Every structure is written in structure tokens, then in C-alpha cells.
Amino acid sequence: MSVRYYRGHRKSRGLGDTIEKMAQATGISKVVDTVTKVTGKDCGCKNRKKKLNQAFPYKEKAQKTR
């Protein structure tokens, strides 16, 4: 699968990528990072993102040929 970029951002491959982008846009990811540093516990975001992408992948649009 090829990775496409739009305005410097990677195209979402599934629901996990979309949730990650929304968390970054709203500032939630900064709060999670701070709490992770203070507590020393991993939030599990990467595993959750991976599982959500596998469970709910986005279909890639077929390219039109001329």
C-alpha cells in the first residue's frame, strides 16, 4: 500500500489514524504525553491505533485511467 500525503499529512489508513489526528488537533495527545511522563505508564495509544486500523480500515479509491 502506498502512503499518500495531503498538505504535509499522511492519509488515514483507518479509524485509528483518524482518532490520532483528532487527538492531536484538539490537544488531547499533549495531555496524554504529559500524564505518561509523570506516571511512567504507557497509554497504549500505538496498540489501540493499530488494532482500530486493522478492525476498521479505509478502502483506497481506485485510480481512474484515461
Protein backbone atom coordinates (compact mmCIF):
# COMPACT_ATOMS: atom_id res chain seq x y z
CA MET A 1 0.00 0.00 0.00
CA SER A 2 1.38 3.37 -0.91
CA VAL A 3 1.32 6.21 1.60
CA ARG A 4 -0.17 9.39 0.23
CA TYR A 5 0.38 12.86 1.60
CA TYR A 6 -2.03 15.77 1.66
CA ARG A 7 -0.72 19.15 2.76
CA GLY A 8 2.12 17.51 4.63
CA HIS A 9 -0.08 14.99 6.46
CA ARG A 10 -0.24 11.28 5.88
CA LYS A 11 -3.57 9.98 4.62
CA SER A 12 -5.50 7.99 7.21
CA ARG A 13 -5.44 4.24 6.64
CA GLY A 14 -8.19 3.52 9.16
CA LEU A 15 -10.17 4.68 12.17
CA GLY A 16 -7.11 4.62 14.44
CA ASP A 17 -5.28 7.18 12.27
CA THR A 18 -8.33 9.46 12.24
CA ILE A 19 -8.69 9.32 16.03
CA GLU A 20 -4.97 10.08 16.40
CA LYS A 21 -5.29 13.15 14.15
CA MET A 22 -8.30 14.42 16.11
CA ALA A 23 -6.44 13.94 19.41
CA GLN A 24 -3.50 15.94 18.06
CA ALA A 25 -5.75 18.69 16.71
CA THR A 26 -7.64 19.10 19.99
CA GLY A 27 -4.56 18.90 22.21
CA ILE A 28 -5.56 15.65 23.90
CA SER A 29 -2.35 13.95 22.78
CA LYS A 30 -0.24 16.56 24.62
CA VAL A 31 -2.16 15.91 27.83
CA VAL A 32 -1.73 12.15 27.39
CA ASP A 33 2.00 12.59 26.76
CA THR A 34 2.35 14.67 29.93
CA VAL A 35 0.43 12.14 32.04
CA THR A 36 2.51 9.32 30.55
CA LYS A 37 5.74 11.09 31.52
CA VAL A 38 4.52 11.79 35.06
CA THR A 39 3.13 8.31 35.76
CA GLY A 40 5.70 6.35 33.77
CA LYS A 41 2.93 4.16 32.33
CA ASP A 42 2.38 3.69 28.61
CA CYS A 43 -1.04 4.89 27.48
CA GLY A 44 -1.36 2.12 24.88
CA CYS A 45 -2.18 4.57 22.10
CA LYS A 46 0.01 2.88 19.48
CA ASN A 47 -1.50 -0.56 20.08
CA ARG A 48 -5.02 0.86 20.13
CA LYS A 49 -4.39 2.74 16.88
CA LYS A 50 -3.02 -0.39 15.22
CA LYS A 51 -5.98 -2.52 16.33
CA LEU A 52 -8.53 0.08 15.22
CA ASN A 53 -6.83 0.41 11.81
CA GLN A 54 -6.98 -3.36 11.38
CA ALA A 55 -10.61 -3.59 12.51
CA PHE A 56 -11.85 -0.56 10.55
CA PRO A 57 -9.62 0.05 7.52
CA TYR A 58 -10.50 2.64 4.91
CA LYS A 59 -10.78 1.49 1.36
CA GLU A 60 -8.40 3.10 -1.06
CA LYS A 61 -10.11 4.72 -4.04
CA ALA A 62 -9.35 3.16 -7.38
CA GLN A 63 -7.36 5.43 -9.67
CA LYS A 64 -9.04 6.47 -12.89
CA THR A 65 -7.22 5.65 -16.10
CA ARG A 66 -7.59 7.77 -19.17
